[in-house]
Amino acid sequence: MAEKEGVIRSRLDLLIRLQDTTTGLSVDERAITFTMDGEQFRPTARGFGNYILINHGRENGLMQIDVLGFEPFKVYVDYEALDERLPTVDAFLIPSENDNSGPKMLSLSGTLKGLSSLECIHPGRPLSGIREFDPKKRIMTIYAPNRRMNMVHSFYGLYHSEEDTYESIEIVEQLENHKVLLRNPLQDEFTVNSPICRRIFGQVDDDGRFLLRVRDDGKRQTYLVKYVVDGEVRYKSVNFHELEGVTL
C-alpha cells in the first residue's frame, strides 16, 4: 500500500516591520530583543527591518522591542484589530539620545492625562502634493518632482494650510502614472497641490507620559503636532529649537 503524502502547511502569524520614525527608513540593527508578555521570542529576520512569525500562534499580548540605539518600543498586539490574512505590526522606533555616534536629537516630552496618540509632520518639507483623488478606487494622483515617484514610505499626512491641520493617510501601493492606492478613502476636503508630508510618530505610555523626537539637521524645525486627548484630536505648532516651556 502506497504511503500517503504528508501535507505541510505554514501560516504567517505576524509580520513586524521596524522603522526609524525620524527618517522613515527601515532598521536593520541585529542587536535586538523581542518579548511578549515578558517572555522572549525569536522571529525570523527577512531583511529591510522585517521579521516574521510562522506557525507561532495568534495570542494577544504586550510586545516589547529593544533595539540598540533606540528607545524601547511597546505595543499591545490585538489580532482582532489586525488584518487576518497579513497581521502586521509597524514598530516606529525613536532614536536614543544616548547614542553619541548618531545625529543630534530634539525632544518634546512630558505628561498629559488622557493622551492616547502623538505624531507630527513638517509642513515646510512636503514630499509631494495631491492632484486628484478617486474615492471609489481609493487612488490618489500626486505631483511627483522630476517626474519620478517619491512615495517610498507608507504613512503620510495631507496638510490643510487654511485650517493648519492634516489628514493621516496610509499608502498601500505605488501605481503607474504618479498614482498611489490608499488603504482608506480621504475623509476631508482638500485643495489641489496641498502638501503631502511624512508622519513622525511619538510614544505614549498608559499614564500619559509622552515622547516625540526629531532629528536636528540645522534647518527650520517647526512641526505640526497632532495628538488625541480623551478622543479629541488636537493640533499644536511646535518649534523644536525653542522647546523651553512648551507643553501639549
C-alpha atoms as a PDB file:
ATOM      1  CA  MET A   1       0.000   0.000   0.000  1.00  0.00           C
ATOM      2  CA  ALA A   2       1.399   3.349  -1.001  1.00  0.00           C
ATOM      3  CA  GLU A   3       2.115   5.748   1.822  1.00  0.00           C
ATOM      4  CA  LYS A   4       0.065   8.905   1.947  1.00  0.00           C
ATOM      5  CA  GLU A   5       1.986  12.025   1.144  1.00  0.00           C
ATOM      6  CA  GLY A   6       2.283  14.391   4.070  1.00  0.00           C
ATOM      7  CA  VAL A   7       0.977  17.914   3.754  1.00  0.00           C
ATOM      8  CA  ILE A   8       2.947  20.665   5.466  1.00  0.00           C
ATOM      9  CA  ARG A   9       1.071  23.884   5.921  1.00  0.00           C
ATOM     10  CA  SER A  10       2.530  27.147   7.114  1.00  0.00           C
ATOM     11  CA  ARG A  11       0.746  30.217   8.374  1.00  0.00           C
ATOM     12  CA  LEU A  12       2.179  33.675   8.775  1.00  0.00           C
ATOM     13  CA  ASP A  13       1.097  34.698  12.268  1.00  0.00           C
ATOM     14  CA  LEU A  14       2.788  38.099  12.451  1.00  0.00           C
ATOM     15  CA  LEU A  15       4.867  40.459  10.343  1.00  0.00           C
ATOM     16  CA  ILE A  16       6.866  43.010  12.325  1.00  0.00           C
ATOM     17  CA  ARG A  17       8.296  45.986  10.432  1.00  0.00           C
ATOM     18  CA  LEU A  18      10.963  48.082  12.169  1.00  0.00           C
ATOM     19  CA  GLN A  19      11.259  51.711  11.098  1.00  0.00           C
ATOM     20  CA  ASP A  20      13.239  54.701  12.337  1.00  0.00           C
ATOM     21  CA  THR A  21      10.367  57.120  12.753  1.00  0.00           C
ATOM     22  CA  THR A  22      12.591  60.196  12.374  1.00  0.00           C
ATOM     23  CA  THR A  23      13.709  59.147   8.873  1.00  0.00           C
ATOM     24  CA  GLY A  24      11.111  56.634   7.727  1.00  0.00           C
ATOM     25  CA  LEU A  25      13.909  54.184   6.882  1.00  0.00           C
ATOM     26  CA  SER A  26      13.944  50.529   7.894  1.00  0.00           C
ATOM     27  CA  VAL A  27      16.057  49.456  10.872  1.00  0.00           C
ATOM     28  CA  ASP A  28      18.385  46.510  10.216  1.00  0.00           C
ATOM     29  CA  GLU A  29      20.223  46.557  13.555  1.00  0.00           C
ATOM     30  CA  ARG A  30      20.719  42.966  14.708  1.00  0.00           C
ATOM     31  CA  ALA A  31      21.285  43.781  18.410  1.00  0.00           C
ATOM     32  CA  ILE A  32      17.601  43.341  19.134  1.00  0.00           C
ATOM     33  CA  THR A  33      15.360  41.570  21.657  1.00  0.00           C
ATOM     34  CA  PHE A  34      11.670  40.704  21.268  1.00  0.00           C
ATOM     35  CA  THR A  35       9.452  39.844  24.245  1.00  0.00           C
ATOM     36  CA  MET A  36       5.743  39.074  24.546  1.00  0.00           C
ATOM     37  CA  ASP A  37       4.221  39.490  27.997  1.00  0.00           C
ATOM     38  CA  GLY A  38       7.751  39.380  29.398  1.00  0.00           C
ATOM     39  CA  GLU A  39       8.811  36.181  27.620  1.00  0.00           C
ATOM     40  CA  GLN A  40      11.474  36.379  24.923  1.00  0.00           C
ATOM     41  CA  PHE A  41      10.767  35.067  21.429  1.00  0.00           C
ATOM     42  CA  ARG A  42      12.766  34.986  18.210  1.00  0.00           C
ATOM     43  CA  PRO A  43      11.063  35.936  14.959  1.00  0.00           C
ATOM     44  CA  THR A  44      12.819  35.175  11.680  1.00  0.00           C
ATOM     45  CA  ALA A  45      14.647  38.093  10.031  1.00  0.00           C
ATOM     46  CA  ARG A  46      13.686  38.753   6.422  1.00  0.00           C
ATOM     47  CA  GLY A  47      15.817  41.832   5.749  1.00  0.00           C
ATOM     48  CA  PHE A  48      14.987  45.518   5.472  1.00  0.00           C
ATOM     49  CA  GLY A  49      13.737  45.596   9.056  1.00  0.00           C
ATOM     50  CA  ASN A  50      11.158  42.840   8.507  1.00  0.00           C
ATOM     51  CA  TYR A  51      10.643  39.982  10.964  1.00  0.00           C
ATOM     52  CA  ILE A  52       8.077  37.188  10.753  1.00  0.00           C
ATOM     53  CA  LEU A  53       6.476  34.564  12.964  1.00  0.00           C
ATOM     54  CA  ILE A  54       5.425  31.333  11.221  1.00  0.00           C
ATOM     55  CA  ASN A  55       3.074  28.842  12.939  1.00  0.00           C
ATOM     56  CA  HIS A  56       3.647  30.644  16.208  1.00  0.00           C
ATOM     57  CA  GLY A  57       0.022  31.044  17.239  1.00  0.00           C
ATOM     58  CA  ARG A  58      -2.115  34.157  17.435  1.00  0.00           C
ATOM     59  CA  GLU A  59      -2.451  35.073  21.067  1.00  0.00           C
ATOM     60  CA  ASN A  60      -2.889  38.696  22.098  1.00  0.00           C
ATOM     61  CA  GLY A  61      -0.263  40.225  24.343  1.00  0.00           C
ATOM     62  CA  LEU A  62       2.021  43.133  25.149  1.00  0.00           C
ATOM     63  CA  MET A  63       5.052  43.081  22.866  1.00  0.00           C
ATOM     64  CA  GLN A  64       8.249  44.970  23.623  1.00  0.00           C
ATOM     65  CA  ILE A  65      11.080  45.507  21.152  1.00  0.00           C
ATOM     66  CA  ASP A  66      14.510  46.589  22.392  1.00  0.00           C
ATOM     67  CA  VAL A  67      16.889  47.709  19.650  1.00  0.00           C
ATOM     68  CA  LEU A  68      20.402  49.040  20.185  1.00  0.00           C
ATOM     69  CA  GLY A  69      20.437  52.810  19.644  1.00  0.00           C
ATOM     70  CA  PHE A  70      16.668  53.244  20.054  1.00  0.00           C
ATOM     71  CA  GLU A  71      14.136  53.745  22.816  1.00  0.00           C
ATOM     72  CA  PRO A  72      12.221  50.609  23.871  1.00  0.00           C
ATOM     73  CA  PHE A  73       9.060  50.141  21.830  1.00  0.00           C
ATOM     74  CA  LYS A  74       5.887  48.689  23.354  1.00  0.00           C
ATOM     75  CA  VAL A  75       2.634  47.776  21.629  1.00  0.00           C
ATOM     76  CA  TYR A  76      -0.347  45.645  22.547  1.00  0.00           C
ATOM     77  CA  VAL A  77      -0.853  43.047  19.819  1.00  0.00           C
ATOM     78  CA  ASP A  78      -4.596  42.600  19.309  1.00  0.00           C
ATOM     79  CA  TYR A  79      -5.247  40.156  16.482  1.00  0.00           C
ATOM     80  CA  GLU A  80      -8.888  41.196  16.207  1.00  0.00           C
ATOM     81  CA  ALA A  81      -7.670  44.645  15.153  1.00  0.00           C
ATOM     82  CA  LEU A  82      -5.116  43.314  12.638  1.00  0.00           C
ATOM     83  CA  ASP A  83      -5.564  42.107   9.068  1.00  0.00           C
ATOM     84  CA  GLU A  84      -6.432  38.410   9.264  1.00  0.00           C
ATOM     85  CA  ARG A  85      -4.508  37.483   6.115  1.00  0.00           C
ATOM     86  CA  LEU A  86      -1.424  39.591   6.841  1.00  0.00           C
ATOM     87  CA  PRO A  87      -1.324  40.622  10.514  1.00  0.00           C
ATOM     88  CA  THR A  88       1.266  43.387  10.682  1.00  0.00           C
ATOM     89  CA  VAL A  89       2.777  45.496  13.440  1.00  0.00           C
ATOM     90  CA  ASP A  90       4.636  48.642  12.397  1.00  0.00           C
ATOM     91  CA  ALA A  91       7.200  49.468  15.068  1.00  0.00           C
ATOM     92  CA  PHE A  92       8.075  53.175  14.834  1.00  0.00           C
ATOM     93  CA  LEU A  93      11.374  53.335  16.706  1.00  0.00           C
ATOM     94  CA  ILE A  94      12.612  56.558  18.296  1.00  0.00           C
ATOM     95  CA  PRO A  95      16.418  57.012  18.240  1.00  0.00           C
ATOM     96  CA  SER A  96      18.028  57.225  21.661  1.00  0.00           C
ATOM     97  CA  GLU A  97      19.687  60.439  22.806  1.00  0.00           C
ATOM     98  CA  ASN A  98      22.357  58.299  24.456  1.00  0.00           C
ATOM     99  CA  ASP A  99      23.759  57.212  21.100  1.00  0.00           C
ATOM    100  CA  ASN A 100      26.721  59.601  20.792  1.00  0.00           C
ATOM    101  CA  SER A 101      27.556  58.283  17.337  1.00  0.00           C
ATOM    102  CA  GLY A 102      24.201  59.363  15.915  1.00  0.00           C
ATOM    103  CA  PRO A 103      22.835  62.785  14.909  1.00  0.00           C
ATOM    104  CA  LYS A 104      21.659  65.366  17.414  1.00  0.00           C
ATOM    105  CA  MET A 105      18.069  64.918  18.529  1.00  0.00           C
ATOM    106  CA  LEU A 106      15.390  67.372  19.645  1.00  0.00           C
ATOM    107  CA  SER A 107      12.796  66.016  22.079  1.00  0.00           C
ATOM    108  CA  LEU A 108       9.358  67.082  23.243  1.00  0.00           C
ATOM    109  CA  SER A 109       8.319  65.169  26.364  1.00  0.00           C
ATOM    110  CA  GLY A 110       6.016  65.456  29.345  1.00  0.00           C
ATOM    111  CA  THR A 111       2.803  64.054  30.787  1.00  0.00           C
ATOM    112  CA  LEU A 112      -0.755  64.729  29.654  1.00  0.00           C
ATOM    113  CA  LYS A 113      -3.679  62.893  31.218  1.00  0.00           C
ATOM    114  CA  GLY A 114      -5.947  61.246  28.672  1.00  0.00           C
ATOM    115  CA  LEU A 115      -3.344  61.331  25.881  1.00  0.00           C
ATOM    116  CA  SER A 116      -3.605  58.277  23.619  1.00  0.00           C
ATOM    117  CA  SER A 117      -1.574  59.086  20.474  1.00  0.00           C
ATOM    118  CA  LEU A 118       1.029  61.563  19.270  1.00  0.00           C
ATOM    119  CA  GLU A 119       2.621  62.312  15.897  1.00  0.00           C
ATOM    120  CA  CYS A 120       3.717  65.217  13.698  1.00  0.00           C
ATOM    121  CA  ILE A 121       4.547  66.395  10.188  1.00  0.00           C
ATOM    122  CA  HIS A 122       6.797  69.134   8.836  1.00  0.00           C
ATOM    123  CA  PRO A 123       4.527  71.211   6.544  1.00  0.00           C
ATOM    124  CA  GLY A 124       7.549  73.016   5.122  1.00  0.00           C
ATOM    125  CA  ARG A 125       9.089  69.788   3.825  1.00  0.00           C
ATOM    126  CA  PRO A 126       6.483  68.085   1.656  1.00  0.00           C
ATOM    127  CA  LEU A 127       7.439  65.062  -0.423  1.00  0.00           C
ATOM    128  CA  SER A 128       4.740  65.758  -2.969  1.00  0.00           C
ATOM    129  CA  GLY A 129       1.313  67.328  -3.480  1.00  0.00           C
ATOM    130  CA  ILE A 130      -2.126  65.955  -4.244  1.00  0.00           C
ATOM    131  CA  ARG A 131      -3.512  66.355  -7.740  1.00  0.00           C
ATOM    132  CA  GLU A 132      -6.767  64.423  -7.590  1.00  0.00           C
ATOM    133  CA  PHE A 133      -8.471  61.546  -5.776  1.00  0.00           C
ATOM    134  CA  ASP A 134     -10.834  58.785  -6.893  1.00  0.00           C
ATOM    135  CA  PRO A 135     -12.857  57.795  -3.778  1.00  0.00           C
ATOM    136  CA  LYS A 136     -14.318  54.638  -5.318  1.00  0.00           C
ATOM    137  CA  LYS A 137     -10.940  53.206  -6.273  1.00  0.00           C
ATOM    138  CA  ARG A 138      -9.071  54.889  -3.371  1.00  0.00           C
ATOM    139  CA  ILE A 139      -6.483  56.086  -5.897  1.00  0.00           C
ATOM    140  CA  MET A 140      -4.685  59.373  -5.318  1.00  0.00           C
ATOM    141  CA  THR A 141      -2.801  61.100  -8.113  1.00  0.00           C
ATOM    142  CA  ILE A 142       0.153  63.175  -6.989  1.00  0.00           C
ATOM    143  CA  TYR A 143       2.578  65.719  -8.358  1.00  0.00           C
ATOM    144  CA  ALA A 144       5.946  63.976  -8.429  1.00  0.00           C
ATOM    145  CA  PRO A 145       9.135  66.085  -8.525  1.00  0.00           C
ATOM    146  CA  ASN A 146      11.355  65.397 -11.541  1.00  0.00           C
ATOM    147  CA  ARG A 147       8.596  63.173 -12.938  1.00  0.00           C
ATOM    148  CA  ARG A 148       9.557  60.380 -10.536  1.00  0.00           C
ATOM    149  CA  MET A 149       7.549  58.741  -7.799  1.00  0.00           C
ATOM    150  CA  ASN A 150       8.976  59.502  -4.381  1.00  0.00           C
ATOM    151  CA  MET A 151       6.378  57.976  -2.045  1.00  0.00           C
ATOM    152  CA  VAL A 152       8.725  55.312  -0.729  1.00  0.00           C
ATOM    153  CA  HIS A 153       7.167  55.053   2.744  1.00  0.00           C
ATOM    154  CA  SER A 154       3.611  54.241   3.869  1.00  0.00           C
ATOM    155  CA  PHE A 155       2.428  56.793   6.393  1.00  0.00           C
ATOM    156  CA  TYR A 156       1.776  60.392   5.377  1.00  0.00           C
ATOM    157  CA  GLY A 157      -0.258  63.441   6.248  1.00  0.00           C
ATOM    158  CA  LEU A 158      -2.237  65.525   3.742  1.00  0.00           C
ATOM    159  CA  TYR A 159      -1.778  69.067   5.006  1.00  0.00           C
ATOM    160  CA  HIS A 160      -4.629  71.602   5.028  1.00  0.00           C
ATOM    161  CA  SER A 161      -2.958  75.016   5.250  1.00  0.00           C
ATOM    162  CA  GLU A 162      -6.103  77.082   5.888  1.00  0.00           C
ATOM    163  CA  GLU A 163      -7.058  75.089   8.985  1.00  0.00           C
ATOM    164  CA  ASP A 164      -3.455  74.225   9.913  1.00  0.00           C
ATOM    165  CA  THR A 165      -4.451  70.546  10.242  1.00  0.00           C
ATOM    166  CA  TYR A 166      -3.734  67.373   8.317  1.00  0.00           C
ATOM    167  CA  GLU A 167      -5.434  64.103   7.441  1.00  0.00           C
ATOM    168  CA  SER A 168      -3.478  60.959   8.218  1.00  0.00           C
ATOM    169  CA  ILE A 169      -3.220  58.623   5.235  1.00  0.00           C
ATOM    170  CA  GLU A 170      -1.600  55.266   4.542  1.00  0.00           C
ATOM    171  CA  ILE A 171      -0.309  54.271   1.135  1.00  0.00           C
ATOM    172  CA  VAL A 172      -0.771  50.597   0.287  1.00  0.00           C
ATOM    173  CA  GLU A 173       0.837  50.505  -3.148  1.00  0.00           C
ATOM    174  CA  GLN A 174       2.506  52.728  -5.731  1.00  0.00           C
ATOM    175  CA  LEU A 175       0.822  52.524  -9.124  1.00  0.00           C
ATOM    176  CA  GLU A 176       1.734  53.886 -12.541  1.00  0.00           C
ATOM    177  CA  ASN A 177       1.467  57.476 -13.722  1.00  0.00           C
ATOM    178  CA  HIS A 178       2.076  59.104 -10.337  1.00  0.00           C
ATOM    179  CA  LYS A 179      -0.792  57.251  -8.687  1.00  0.00           C
ATOM    180  CA  VAL A 180      -0.917  55.599  -5.269  1.00  0.00           C
ATOM    181  CA  LEU A 181      -3.501  53.335  -3.655  1.00  0.00           C
ATOM    182  CA  LEU A 182      -4.692  54.410  -0.206  1.00  0.00           C
ATOM    183  CA  ARG A 183      -5.830  51.991   2.484  1.00  0.00           C
ATOM    184  CA  ASN A 184      -8.878  54.144   3.214  1.00  0.00           C
ATOM    185  CA  PRO A 185     -10.705  56.883   1.267  1.00  0.00           C
ATOM    186  CA  LEU A 186      -9.955  60.509   2.101  1.00  0.00           C
ATOM    187  CA  GLN A 187     -12.463  61.977   4.538  1.00  0.00           C
ATOM    188  CA  ASP A 188     -11.625  65.687   4.344  1.00  0.00           C
ATOM    189  CA  GLU A 189     -11.978  68.211   1.547  1.00  0.00           C
ATOM    190  CA  PHE A 190      -8.644  69.197   0.005  1.00  0.00           C
ATOM    191  CA  THR A 191      -7.114  71.830  -2.234  1.00  0.00           C
ATOM    192  CA  VAL A 192      -5.211  70.743  -5.346  1.00  0.00           C
ATOM    193  CA  ASN A 193      -1.452  70.658  -4.691  1.00  0.00           C
ATOM    194  CA  SER A 194      -1.921  70.501  -0.912  1.00  0.00           C
ATOM    195  CA  PRO A 195       1.343  69.198   0.610  1.00  0.00           C
ATOM    196  CA  ILE A 196       1.815  65.528   1.415  1.00  0.00           C
ATOM    197  CA  CYS A 197       4.287  65.100   4.288  1.00  0.00           C
ATOM    198  CA  ARG A 198       5.800  62.105   6.047  1.00  0.00           C
ATOM    199  CA  ARG A 199       4.456  61.418   9.532  1.00  0.00           C
ATOM    200  CA  ILE A 200       6.781  61.083  12.542  1.00  0.00           C
ATOM    201  CA  PHE A 201       5.357  59.051  15.424  1.00  0.00           C
ATOM    202  CA  GLY A 202       5.858  59.582  19.136  1.00  0.00           C
ATOM    203  CA  GLN A 203       5.319  57.275  22.099  1.00  0.00           C
ATOM    204  CA  VAL A 204       2.616  57.486  24.757  1.00  0.00           C
ATOM    205  CA  ASP A 205       2.500  55.435  27.969  1.00  0.00           C
ATOM    206  CA  ASP A 206      -0.671  54.396  29.777  1.00  0.00           C
ATOM    207  CA  ASP A 207      -0.181  57.129  32.365  1.00  0.00           C
ATOM    208  CA  GLY A 208       0.021  59.878  29.724  1.00  0.00           C
ATOM    209  CA  ARG A 209       3.796  60.242  29.600  1.00  0.00           C
ATOM    210  CA  PHE A 210       4.866  61.064  26.078  1.00  0.00           C
ATOM    211  CA  LEU A 211       7.944  61.463  23.897  1.00  0.00           C
ATOM    212  CA  LEU A 212       8.236  62.962  20.416  1.00  0.00           C
ATOM    213  CA  ARG A 213      11.695  63.276  18.881  1.00  0.00           C
ATOM    214  CA  VAL A 214      13.036  64.716  15.605  1.00  0.00           C
ATOM    215  CA  ARG A 215      16.496  64.984  14.093  1.00  0.00           C
ATOM    216  CA  ASP A 216      18.269  68.338  14.238  1.00  0.00           C
ATOM    217  CA  ASP A 217      19.677  68.971  10.784  1.00  0.00           C
ATOM    218  CA  GLY A 218      20.252  72.670  11.415  1.00  0.00           C
ATOM    219  CA  LYS A 219      17.265  73.706   9.330  1.00  0.00           C
ATOM    220  CA  ARG A 220      13.904  75.133  10.371  1.00  0.00           C
ATOM    221  CA  GLN A 221      12.350  72.746  12.889  1.00  0.00           C
ATOM    222  CA  THR A 222       8.730  73.859  13.127  1.00  0.00           C
ATOM    223  CA  TYR A 223       6.426  70.842  13.106  1.00  0.00           C
ATOM    224  CA  LEU A 224       2.667  70.486  13.306  1.00  0.00           C
ATOM    225  CA  VAL A 225       1.973  68.118  16.193  1.00  0.00           C
ATOM    226  CA  LYS A 226      -1.225  66.057  16.104  1.00  0.00           C
ATOM    227  CA  TYR A 227      -2.374  64.407  19.313  1.00  0.00           C
ATOM    228  CA  VAL A 228      -5.508  62.819  20.736  1.00  0.00           C
ATOM    229  CA  VAL A 229      -6.753  63.578  24.252  1.00  0.00           C
ATOM    230  CA  ASP A 230      -9.830  61.751  25.544  1.00  0.00           C
ATOM    231  CA  GLY A 231     -10.809  61.031  21.953  1.00  0.00           C
ATOM    232  CA  GLU A 232     -10.437  64.653  20.824  1.00  0.00           C
ATOM    233  CA  VAL A 233      -7.966  65.416  18.018  1.00  0.00           C
ATOM    234  CA  ARG A 234      -5.817  68.469  18.720  1.00  0.00           C
ATOM    235  CA  TYR A 235      -3.029  70.299  16.900  1.00  0.00           C
ATOM    236  CA  LYS A 236      -0.121  72.427  18.017  1.00  0.00           C
ATOM    237  CA  SER A 237       2.636  74.108  16.032  1.00  0.00           C
ATOM    238  CA  VAL A 238       5.958  73.452  17.765  1.00  0.00           C
ATOM    239  CA  ASN A 239       9.407  74.878  17.032  1.00  0.00           C
ATOM    240  CA  PHE A 240      11.756  72.160  18.262  1.00  0.00           C
ATOM    241  CA  HIS A 241      14.564  74.708  18.500  1.00  0.00           C
ATOM    242  CA  GLU A 242      12.545  76.608  21.110  1.00  0.00           C
ATOM    243  CA  LEU A 243      11.119  73.978  23.431  1.00  0.00           C
ATOM    244  CA  GLU A 244      11.609  75.674  26.778  1.00  0.00           C
ATOM    245  CA  GLY A 245       8.242  75.884  28.483  1.00  0.00           C
ATOM    246  CA  VAL A 246       6.412  74.166  25.618  1.00  0.00           C
ATOM    247  CA  THR A 247       3.713  71.662  26.630  1.00  0.00           C
ATOM    248  CA  LEU A 248       0.784  69.971  24.905  1.00  0.00           C
END
